[in-house]
Amino acid sequence: IVQANKRDLPGALSREEVQQVLGQD
């Protein structure tokens, strides 16, 4: 499970942007 951390900070990436970076794996 991926825990997308530091979501409170300004400029945090969107969920979609994070998933793009994580890729197919």
mmCIF file of all heavy atoms, coordinates in Angstrom:
data_MODEL
# 
_entry.id   MODEL 
# 
loop_
_atom_site.group_PDB 
_atom_site.id 
_atom_site.type_symbol 
_atom_site.label_atom_id 
_atom_site.label_alt_id 
_atom_site.label_comp_id 
_atom_site.label_asym_id 
_atom_site.label_entity_id 
_atom_site.label_seq_id 
_atom_site.pdbx_PDB_ins_code 
_atom_site.Cartn_x 
_atom_site.Cartn_y 
_atom_site.Cartn_z 
_atom_site.occupancy 
_atom_site.B_iso_or_equiv 
_atom_site.pdbx_formal_charge 
_atom_site.auth_seq_id 
_atom_site.auth_comp_id 
_atom_site.auth_asym_id 
_atom_site.auth_atom_id 
_atom_site.pdbx_PDB_model_num 
ATOM 1   N N   . ILE A 1 1  ? 0.858  -1.176 0.000   1.00 0.00 ? 1  ILE A N   1 
ATOM 2   C CA  . ILE A 1 1  ? 0.000  0.000  0.000   1.00 0.00 ? 1  ILE A CA  1 
ATOM 3   C C   . ILE A 1 1  ? 0.897  1.229  0.000   1.00 0.00 ? 1  ILE A C   1 
ATOM 4   O O   . ILE A 1 1  ? 1.908  1.270  0.708   1.00 0.00 ? 1  ILE A O   1 
ATOM 5   C CB  . ILE A 1 1  ? -0.959 0.004  1.216   1.00 0.00 ? 1  ILE A CB  1 
ATOM 6   C CG1 . ILE A 1 1  ? -1.845 1.256  1.196   1.00 0.00 ? 1  ILE A CG1 1 
ATOM 7   C CG2 . ILE A 1 1  ? -0.214 -0.115 2.525   1.00 0.00 ? 1  ILE A CG2 1 
ATOM 8   C CD1 . ILE A 1 1  ? -2.956 1.219  2.221   1.00 0.00 ? 1  ILE A CD1 1 
ATOM 9   N N   . VAL A 1 2  ? 0.578  2.212  -0.821  1.00 0.00 ? 2  VAL A N   1 
ATOM 10  C CA  . VAL A 1 2  ? 1.346  3.461  -0.871  1.00 0.00 ? 2  VAL A CA  1 
ATOM 11  C C   . VAL A 1 2  ? 0.715  4.469  0.076   1.00 0.00 ? 2  VAL A C   1 
ATOM 12  O O   . VAL A 1 2  ? -0.480 4.757  -0.020  1.00 0.00 ? 2  VAL A O   1 
ATOM 13  C CB  . VAL A 1 2  ? 1.386  4.037  -2.298  1.00 0.00 ? 2  VAL A CB  1 
ATOM 14  C CG1 . VAL A 1 2  ? 2.053  5.407  -2.300  1.00 0.00 ? 2  VAL A CG1 1 
ATOM 15  C CG2 . VAL A 1 2  ? 2.128  3.093  -3.234  1.00 0.00 ? 2  VAL A CG2 1 
ATOM 16  N N   . GLN A 1 3  ? 1.530  4.986  0.996   1.00 0.00 ? 3  GLN A N   1 
ATOM 17  C CA  . GLN A 1 3  ? 1.073  6.035  1.905   1.00 0.00 ? 3  GLN A CA  1 
ATOM 18  C C   . GLN A 1 3  ? 1.627  7.363  1.397   1.00 0.00 ? 3  GLN A C   1 
ATOM 19  O O   . GLN A 1 3  ? 2.811  7.670  1.570   1.00 0.00 ? 3  GLN A O   1 
ATOM 20  C CB  . GLN A 1 3  ? 1.554  5.763  3.326   1.00 0.00 ? 3  GLN A CB  1 
ATOM 21  C CG  . GLN A 1 3  ? 1.140  6.830  4.331   1.00 0.00 ? 3  GLN A CG  1 
ATOM 22  C CD  . GLN A 1 3  ? 1.756  6.593  5.691   1.00 0.00 ? 3  GLN A CD  1 
ATOM 23  O OE1 . GLN A 1 3  ? 1.659  5.513  6.254   1.00 0.00 ? 3  GLN A OE1 1 
ATOM 24  N NE2 . GLN A 1 3  ? 2.414  7.616  6.237   1.00 0.00 ? 3  GLN A NE2 1 
ATOM 25  N N   . ALA A 1 4  ? 0.790  8.135  0.723   1.00 0.00 ? 4  ALA A N   1 
ATOM 26  C CA  . ALA A 1 4  ? 1.198  9.440  0.195   1.00 0.00 ? 4  ALA A CA  1 
ATOM 27  C C   . ALA A 1 4  ? 1.255  10.416 1.360   1.00 0.00 ? 4  ALA A C   1 
ATOM 28  O O   . ALA A 1 4  ? 0.229  10.868 1.866   1.00 0.00 ? 4  ALA A O   1 
ATOM 29  C CB  . ALA A 1 4  ? 0.214  9.903  -0.871  1.00 0.00 ? 4  ALA A CB  1 
ATOM 30  N N   . ASN A 1 5  ? 2.465  10.746 1.776   1.00 0.00 ? 5  ASN A N   1 
ATOM 31  C CA  . ASN A 1 5  ? 2.660  11.528 2.998   1.00 0.00 ? 5  ASN A CA  1 
ATOM 32  C C   . ASN A 1 5  ? 2.890  13.016 2.683   1.00 0.00 ? 5  ASN A C   1 
ATOM 33  O O   . ASN A 1 5  ? 3.120  13.405 1.546   1.00 0.00 ? 5  ASN A O   1 
ATOM 34  C CB  . ASN A 1 5  ? 3.859  10.971 3.774   1.00 0.00 ? 5  ASN A CB  1 
ATOM 35  C CG  . ASN A 1 5  ? 3.941  11.505 5.188   1.00 0.00 ? 5  ASN A CG  1 
ATOM 36  O OD1 . ASN A 1 5  ? 2.916  11.783 5.817   1.00 0.00 ? 5  ASN A OD1 1 
ATOM 37  N ND2 . ASN A 1 5  ? 5.146  11.653 5.703   1.00 0.00 ? 5  ASN A ND2 1 
ATOM 38  N N   . LYS A 1 6  ? 2.802  13.830 3.725   1.00 0.00 ? 6  LYS A N   1 
ATOM 39  C CA  . LYS A 1 6  ? 3.010  15.279 3.671   1.00 0.00 ? 6  LYS A CA  1 
ATOM 40  C C   . LYS A 1 6  ? 1.979  15.961 2.771   1.00 0.00 ? 6  LYS A C   1 
ATOM 41  O O   . LYS A 1 6  ? 2.296  16.910 2.042   1.00 0.00 ? 6  LYS A O   1 
ATOM 42  C CB  . LYS A 1 6  ? 4.447  15.594 3.223   1.00 0.00 ? 6  LYS A CB  1 
ATOM 43  C CG  . LYS A 1 6  ? 5.507  14.921 4.115   1.00 0.00 ? 6  LYS A CG  1 
ATOM 44  C CD  . LYS A 1 6  ? 6.909  15.345 3.785   1.00 0.00 ? 6  LYS A CD  1 
ATOM 45  C CE  . LYS A 1 6  ? 7.911  14.605 4.662   1.00 0.00 ? 6  LYS A CE  1 
ATOM 46  N NZ  . LYS A 1 6  ? 9.312  15.015 4.411   1.00 0.00 ? 6  LYS A NZ  1 
ATOM 47  N N   . ARG A 1 7  ? 0.753  15.476 2.862   1.00 0.00 ? 7  ARG A N   1 
ATOM 48  C CA  . ARG A 1 7  ? -0.319 16.031 2.043   1.00 0.00 ? 7  ARG A CA  1 
ATOM 49  C C   . ARG A 1 7  ? -0.757 17.408 2.528   1.00 0.00 ? 7  ARG A C   1 
ATOM 50  O O   . ARG A 1 7  ? -1.496 18.116 1.830   1.00 0.00 ? 7  ARG A O   1 
ATOM 51  C CB  . ARG A 1 7  ? -1.538 15.090 2.051   1.00 0.00 ? 7  ARG A CB  1 
ATOM 52  C CG  . ARG A 1 7  ? -1.238 13.681 1.594   1.00 0.00 ? 7  ARG A CG  1 
ATOM 53  C CD  . ARG A 1 7  ? -0.697 13.634 0.196   1.00 0.00 ? 7  ARG A CD  1 
ATOM 54  N NE  . ARG A 1 7  ? -1.727 13.942 -0.796  1.00 0.00 ? 7  ARG A NE  1 
ATOM 55  C CZ  . ARG A 1 7  ? -1.472 14.369 -2.015  1.00 0.00 ? 7  ARG A CZ  1 
ATOM 56  N NH1 . ARG A 1 7  ? -0.228 14.590 -2.399  1.00 0.00 ? 7  ARG A NH1 1 
ATOM 57  N NH2 . ARG A 1 7  ? -2.461 14.607 -2.863  1.00 0.00 ? 7  ARG A NH2 1 
ATOM 58  N N   . ASP A 1 8  ? -0.280 17.780 3.729   1.00 0.00 ? 8  ASP A N   1 
ATOM 59  C CA  . ASP A 1 8  ? -0.653 19.071 4.299   1.00 0.00 ? 8  ASP A CA  1 
ATOM 60  C C   . ASP A 1 8  ? 0.133  20.236 3.715   1.00 0.00 ? 8  ASP A C   1 
ATOM 61  O O   . ASP A 1 8  ? -0.245 21.400 3.878   1.00 0.00 ? 8  ASP A O   1 
ATOM 62  C CB  . ASP A 1 8  ? -0.440 19.039 5.816   1.00 0.00 ? 8  ASP A CB  1 
ATOM 63  C CG  . ASP A 1 8  ? 1.010  18.706 6.177   1.00 0.00 ? 8  ASP A CG  1 
ATOM 64  O OD1 . ASP A 1 8  ? 1.511  17.668 5.674   1.00 0.00 ? 8  ASP A OD1 1 
ATOM 65  O OD2 . ASP A 1 8  ? 1.632  19.454 6.947   1.00 0.00 ? 8  ASP A OD2 1 
ATOM 66  N N   . LEU A 1 9  ? 1.229  19.936 3.021   1.00 0.00 ? 9  LEU A N   1 
ATOM 67  C CA  . LEU A 1 9  ? 2.119  21.001 2.565   1.00 0.00 ? 9  LEU A CA  1 
ATOM 68  C C   . LEU A 1 9  ? 1.619  21.642 1.265   1.00 0.00 ? 9  LEU A C   1 
ATOM 69  O O   . LEU A 1 9  ? 1.102  20.948 0.384   1.00 0.00 ? 9  LEU A O   1 
ATOM 70  C CB  . LEU A 1 9  ? 3.529  20.447 2.360   1.00 0.00 ? 9  LEU A CB  1 
ATOM 71  C CG  . LEU A 1 9  ? 4.209  19.901 3.620   1.00 0.00 ? 9  LEU A CG  1 
ATOM 72  C CD1 . LEU A 1 9  ? 5.601  19.392 3.295   1.00 0.00 ? 9  LEU A CD1 1 
ATOM 73  C CD2 . LEU A 1 9  ? 4.276  20.973 4.704   1.00 0.00 ? 9  LEU A CD2 1 
ATOM 74  N N   . PRO A 1 10 ? 1.773  22.949 1.156   1.00 0.00 ? 10 PRO A N   1 
ATOM 75  C CA  . PRO A 1 10 ? 1.371  23.615 -0.094  1.00 0.00 ? 10 PRO A CA  1 
ATOM 76  C C   . PRO A 1 10 ? 2.227  23.109 -1.253  1.00 0.00 ? 10 PRO A C   1 
ATOM 77  O O   . PRO A 1 10 ? 3.426  22.861 -1.101  1.00 0.00 ? 10 PRO A O   1 
ATOM 78  C CB  . PRO A 1 10 ? 1.632  25.096 0.195   1.00 0.00 ? 10 PRO A CB  1 
ATOM 79  C CG  . PRO A 1 10 ? 2.634  25.101 1.301   1.00 0.00 ? 10 PRO A CG  1 
ATOM 80  C CD  . PRO A 1 10 ? 2.346  23.887 2.138   1.00 0.00 ? 10 PRO A CD  1 
ATOM 81  N N   . GLY A 1 11 ? 1.621  22.909 -2.385  1.00 0.00 ? 11 GLY A N   1 
ATOM 82  C CA  . GLY A 1 11 ? 2.371  22.420 -3.537  1.00 0.00 ? 11 GLY A CA  1 
ATOM 83  C C   . GLY A 1 11 ? 2.442  20.916 -3.629  1.00 0.00 ? 11 GLY A C   1 
ATOM 84  O O   . GLY A 1 11 ? 3.111  20.381 -4.530  1.00 0.00 ? 11 GLY A O   1 
ATOM 85  N N   . ALA A 1 12 ? 1.782  20.204 -2.704  1.00 0.00 ? 12 ALA A N   1 
ATOM 86  C CA  . ALA A 1 12 ? 1.784  18.745 -2.766  1.00 0.00 ? 12 ALA A CA  1 
ATOM 87  C C   . ALA A 1 12 ? 1.145  18.280 -4.068  1.00 0.00 ? 12 ALA A C   1 
ATOM 88  O O   . ALA A 1 12 ? 0.163  18.851 -4.541  1.00 0.00 ? 12 ALA A O   1 
ATOM 89  C CB  . ALA A 1 12 ? 1.023  18.167 -1.569  1.00 0.00 ? 12 ALA A CB  1 
ATOM 90  N N   . LEU A 1 13 ? 1.715  17.230 -4.648  1.00 0.00 ? 13 LEU A N   1 
ATOM 91  C CA  . LEU A 1 13 ? 1.208  16.723 -5.909  1.00 0.00 ? 13 LEU A CA  1 
ATOM 92  C C   . LEU A 1 13 ? -0.186 16.129 -5.737  1.00 0.00 ? 13 LEU A C   1 
ATOM 93  O O   . LEU A 1 13 ? -0.537 15.633 -4.661  1.00 0.00 ? 13 LEU A O   1 
ATOM 94  C CB  . LEU A 1 13 ? 2.150  15.658 -6.474  1.00 0.00 ? 13 LEU A CB  1 
ATOM 95  C CG  . LEU A 1 13 ? 3.306  16.162 -7.354  1.00 0.00 ? 13 LEU A CG  1 
ATOM 96  C CD1 . LEU A 1 13 ? 4.290  16.974 -6.533  1.00 0.00 ? 13 LEU A CD1 1 
ATOM 97  C CD2 . LEU A 1 13 ? 4.005  14.985 -8.019  1.00 0.00 ? 13 LEU A CD2 1 
ATOM 98  N N   . SER A 1 14 ? -0.960 16.144 -6.796  1.00 0.00 ? 14 SER A N   1 
ATOM 99  C CA  . SER A 1 14 ? -2.277 15.516 -6.768  1.00 0.00 ? 14 SER A CA  1 
ATOM 100 C C   . SER A 1 14 ? -2.115 14.000 -6.787  1.00 0.00 ? 14 SER A C   1 
ATOM 101 O O   . SER A 1 14 ? -1.043 13.476 -7.130  1.00 0.00 ? 14 SER A O   1 
ATOM 102 C CB  . SER A 1 14 ? -3.105 15.950 -7.977  1.00 0.00 ? 14 SER A CB  1 
ATOM 103 O OG  . SER A 1 14 ? -2.542 15.412 -9.172  1.00 0.00 ? 14 SER A OG  1 
ATOM 104 N N   . ARG A 1 15 ? -3.176 13.293 -6.449  1.00 0.00 ? 15 ARG A N   1 
ATOM 105 C CA  . ARG A 1 15 ? -3.138 11.830 -6.486  1.00 0.00 ? 15 ARG A CA  1 
ATOM 106 C C   . ARG A 1 15 ? -2.793 11.345 -7.899  1.00 0.00 ? 15 ARG A C   1 
ATOM 107 O O   . ARG A 1 15 ? -2.021 10.392 -8.072  1.00 0.00 ? 15 ARG A O   1 
ATOM 108 C CB  . ARG A 1 15 ? -4.485 11.253 -6.053  1.00 0.00 ? 15 ARG A CB  1 
ATOM 109 C CG  . ARG A 1 15 ? -4.814 11.446 -4.585  1.00 0.00 ? 15 ARG A CG  1 
ATOM 110 C CD  . ARG A 1 15 ? -6.214 10.918 -4.280  1.00 0.00 ? 15 ARG A CD  1 
ATOM 111 N NE  . ARG A 1 15 ? -6.292 9.477  -4.482  1.00 0.00 ? 15 ARG A NE  1 
ATOM 112 C CZ  . ARG A 1 15 ? -6.187 8.576  -3.505  1.00 0.00 ? 15 ARG A CZ  1 
ATOM 113 N NH1 . ARG A 1 15 ? -5.973 8.981  -2.256  1.00 0.00 ? 15 ARG A NH1 1 
ATOM 114 N NH2 . ARG A 1 15 ? -6.290 7.289  -3.757  1.00 0.00 ? 15 ARG A NH2 1 
ATOM 115 N N   . GLU A 1 16 ? -3.353 11.997 -8.899  1.00 0.00 ? 16 GLU A N   1 
ATOM 116 C CA  . GLU A 1 16 ? -3.113 11.595 -10.281 1.00 0.00 ? 16 GLU A CA  1 
ATOM 117 C C   . GLU A 1 16 ? -1.640 11.766 -10.646 1.00 0.00 ? 16 GLU A C   1 
ATOM 118 O O   . GLU A 1 16 ? -1.037 10.899 -11.305 1.00 0.00 ? 16 GLU A O   1 
ATOM 119 C CB  . GLU A 1 16 ? -3.990 12.407 -11.234 1.00 0.00 ? 16 GLU A CB  1 
ATOM 120 C CG  . GLU A 1 16 ? -5.481 12.124 -11.127 1.00 0.00 ? 16 GLU A CG  1 
ATOM 121 C CD  . GLU A 1 16 ? -6.125 12.707 -9.872  1.00 0.00 ? 16 GLU A CD  1 
ATOM 122 O OE1 . GLU A 1 16 ? -5.530 13.647 -9.265  1.00 0.00 ? 16 GLU A OE1 1 
ATOM 123 O OE2 . GLU A 1 16 ? -7.205 12.229 -9.484  1.00 0.00 ? 16 GLU A OE2 1 
ATOM 124 N N   . GLU A 1 17 ? -1.034 12.874 -10.212 1.00 0.00 ? 17 GLU A N   1 
ATOM 125 C CA  . GLU A 1 17 ? 0.379  13.115 -10.502 1.00 0.00 ? 17 GLU A CA  1 
ATOM 126 C C   . GLU A 1 17 ? 1.255  12.087 -9.793  1.00 0.00 ? 17 GLU A C   1 
ATOM 127 O O   . GLU A 1 17 ? 2.252  11.602 -10.357 1.00 0.00 ? 17 GLU A O   1 
ATOM 128 C CB  . GLU A 1 17 ? 0.765  14.533 -10.077 1.00 0.00 ? 17 GLU A CB  1 
ATOM 129 C CG  . GLU A 1 17 ? 0.165  15.621 -10.956 1.00 0.00 ? 17 GLU A CG  1 
ATOM 130 C CD  . GLU A 1 17 ? 0.389  17.007 -10.385 1.00 0.00 ? 17 GLU A CD  1 
ATOM 131 O OE1 . GLU A 1 17 ? 0.286  17.177 -9.146  1.00 0.00 ? 17 GLU A OE1 1 
ATOM 132 O OE2 . GLU A 1 17 ? 0.669  17.926 -11.175 1.00 0.00 ? 17 GLU A OE2 1 
ATOM 133 N N   . VAL A 1 18 ? 0.900  11.753 -8.565  1.00 0.00 ? 18 VAL A N   1 
ATOM 134 C CA  . VAL A 1 18 ? 1.655  10.743 -7.821  1.00 0.00 ? 18 VAL A CA  1 
ATOM 135 C C   . VAL A 1 18 ? 1.586  9.404  -8.532  1.00 0.00 ? 18 VAL A C   1 
ATOM 136 O O   . VAL A 1 18 ? 2.603  8.712  -8.713  1.00 0.00 ? 18 VAL A O   1 
ATOM 137 C CB  . VAL A 1 18 ? 1.118  10.614 -6.380  1.00 0.00 ? 18 VAL A CB  1 
ATOM 138 C CG1 . VAL A 1 18 ? 1.740  9.408  -5.680  1.00 0.00 ? 18 VAL A CG1 1 
ATOM 139 C CG2 . VAL A 1 18 ? 1.396  11.892 -5.590  1.00 0.00 ? 18 VAL A CG2 1 
ATOM 140 N N   . GLN A 1 19 ? 0.406  9.008  -8.971  1.00 0.00 ? 19 GLN A N   1 
ATOM 141 C CA  . GLN A 1 19 ? 0.247  7.717  -9.632  1.00 0.00 ? 19 GLN A CA  1 
ATOM 142 C C   . GLN A 1 19 ? 0.987  7.667  -10.955 1.00 0.00 ? 19 GLN A C   1 
ATOM 143 O O   . GLN A 1 19 ? 1.498  6.616  -11.348 1.00 0.00 ? 19 GLN A O   1 
ATOM 144 C CB  . GLN A 1 19 ? -1.243 7.419  -9.811  1.00 0.00 ? 19 GLN A CB  1 
ATOM 145 C CG  . GLN A 1 19 ? -1.918 7.068  -8.488  1.00 0.00 ? 19 GLN A CG  1 
ATOM 146 C CD  . GLN A 1 19 ? -3.427 7.014  -8.574  1.00 0.00 ? 19 GLN A CD  1 
ATOM 147 O OE1 . GLN A 1 19 ? -4.046 7.707  -9.370  1.00 0.00 ? 19 GLN A OE1 1 
ATOM 148 N NE2 . GLN A 1 19 ? -4.038 6.174  -7.742  1.00 0.00 ? 19 GLN A NE2 1 
ATOM 149 N N   . GLN A 1 20 ? 1.096  8.804  -11.623 1.00 0.00 ? 20 GLN A N   1 
ATOM 150 C CA  . GLN A 1 20 ? 1.862  8.849  -12.869 1.00 0.00 ? 20 GLN A CA  1 
ATOM 151 C C   . GLN A 1 20 ? 3.336  8.555  -12.601 1.00 0.00 ? 20 GLN A C   1 
ATOM 152 O O   . GLN A 1 20 ? 3.993  7.826  -13.353 1.00 0.00 ? 20 GLN A O   1 
ATOM 153 C CB  . GLN A 1 20 ? 1.719  10.214 -13.532 1.00 0.00 ? 20 GLN A CB  1 
ATOM 154 C CG  . GLN A 1 20 ? 0.381  10.406 -14.253 1.00 0.00 ? 20 GLN A CG  1 
ATOM 155 C CD  . GLN A 1 20 ? 0.290  11.776 -14.913 1.00 0.00 ? 20 GLN A CD  1 
ATOM 156 O OE1 . GLN A 1 20 ? 1.189  12.610 -14.758 1.00 0.00 ? 20 GLN A OE1 1 
ATOM 157 N NE2 . GLN A 1 20 ? -0.779 12.024 -15.638 1.00 0.00 ? 20 GLN A NE2 1 
ATOM 158 N N   . VAL A 1 21 ? 3.866  9.119  -11.526 1.00 0.00 ? 21 VAL A N   1 
ATOM 159 C CA  . VAL A 1 21 ? 5.271  8.905  -11.180 1.00 0.00 ? 21 VAL A CA  1 
ATOM 160 C C   . VAL A 1 21 ? 5.502  7.457  -10.765 1.00 0.00 ? 21 VAL A C   1 
ATOM 161 O O   . VAL A 1 21 ? 6.517  6.842  -11.121 1.00 0.00 ? 21 VAL A O   1 
ATOM 162 C CB  . VAL A 1 21 ? 5.712  9.866  -10.057 1.00 0.00 ? 21 VAL A CB  1 
ATOM 163 C CG1 . VAL A 1 21 ? 7.133  9.535  -9.610  1.00 0.00 ? 21 VAL A CG1 1 
ATOM 164 C CG2 . VAL A 1 21 ? 5.639  11.305 -10.537 1.00 0.00 ? 21 VAL A CG2 1 
ATOM 165 N N   . LEU A 1 22 ? 4.565  6.880  -10.023 1.00 0.00 ? 22 LEU A N   1 
ATOM 166 C CA  . LEU A 1 22 ? 4.715  5.504  -9.569  1.00 0.00 ? 22 LEU A CA  1 
ATOM 167 C C   . LEU A 1 22 ? 4.712  4.531  -10.740 1.00 0.00 ? 22 LEU A C   1 
ATOM 168 O O   . LEU A 1 22 ? 5.358  3.485  -10.690 1.00 0.00 ? 22 LEU A O   1 
ATOM 169 C CB  . LEU A 1 22 ? 3.596  5.152  -8.585  1.00 0.00 ? 22 LEU A CB  1 
ATOM 170 C CG  . LEU A 1 22 ? 3.638  5.884  -7.249  1.00 0.00 ? 22 LEU A CG  1 
ATOM 171 C CD1 . LEU A 1 22 ? 2.388  5.577  -6.438  1.00 0.00 ? 22 LEU A CD1 1 
ATOM 172 C CD2 . LEU A 1 22 ? 4.880  5.505  -6.457  1.00 0.00 ? 22 LEU A CD2 1 
ATOM 173 N N   . GLY A 1 23 ? 3.992  4.865  -11.798 1.00 0.00 ? 23 GLY A N   1 
ATOM 174 C CA  . GLY A 1 23 ? 4.028  4.064  -13.017 1.00 0.00 ? 23 GLY A CA  1 
ATOM 175 C C   . GLY A 1 23 ? 3.304  2.742  -12.912 1.00 0.00 ? 23 GLY A C   1 
ATOM 176 O O   . GLY A 1 23 ? 2.518  2.486  -12.002 1.00 0.00 ? 23 GLY A O   1 
ATOM 177 N N   . GLN A 1 24 ? 3.600  1.870  -13.873 1.00 0.00 ? 24 GLN A N   1 
ATOM 178 C CA  . GLN A 1 24 ? 2.884  0.607  -14.008 1.00 0.00 ? 24 GLN A CA  1 
ATOM 179 C C   . GLN A 1 24 ? 3.146  -0.365 -12.863 1.00 0.00 ? 24 GLN A C   1 
ATOM 180 O O   . GLN A 1 24 ? 2.306  -1.196 -12.538 1.00 0.00 ? 24 GLN A O   1 
ATOM 181 C CB  . GLN A 1 24 ? 3.258  -0.060 -15.339 1.00 0.00 ? 24 GLN A CB  1 
ATOM 182 C CG  . GLN A 1 24 ? 2.711  0.665  -16.554 1.00 0.00 ? 24 GLN A CG  1 
ATOM 183 C CD  . GLN A 1 24 ? 1.191  0.775  -16.503 1.00 0.00 ? 24 GLN A CD  1 
ATOM 184 O OE1 . GLN A 1 24 ? 0.494  -0.214 -16.289 1.00 0.00 ? 24 GLN A OE1 1 
ATOM 185 N NE2 . GLN A 1 24 ? 0.685  1.983  -16.696 1.00 0.00 ? 24 GLN A NE2 1 
ATOM 186 N N   . ASP A 1 25 ? 4.330  -0.277 -12.252 1.00 0.00 ? 25 ASP A N   1 
ATOM 187 C CA  . ASP A 1 25 ? 4.651  -1.202 -11.161 1.00 0.00 ? 25 ASP A CA  1 
ATOM 188 C C   . ASP A 1 25 ? 3.630  -1.117 -10.031 1.00 0.00 ? 25 ASP A C   1 
ATOM 189 O O   . ASP A 1 25 ? 3.276  -2.124 -9.417  1.00 0.00 ? 25 ASP A O   1 
ATOM 190 C CB  . ASP A 1 25 ? 6.046  -0.904 -10.594 1.00 0.00 ? 25 ASP A CB  1 
ATOM 191 C CG  . ASP A 1 25 ? 7.151  -1.311 -11.556 1.00 0.00 ? 25 ASP A CG  1 
ATOM 192 O OD1 . ASP A 1 25 ? 6.914  -2.221 -12.365 1.00 0.00 ? 25 ASP A OD1 1 
ATOM 193 O OD2 . ASP A 1 25 ? 8.234  -0.715 -11.496 1.00 0.00 ? 25 ASP A OD2 1 
# 
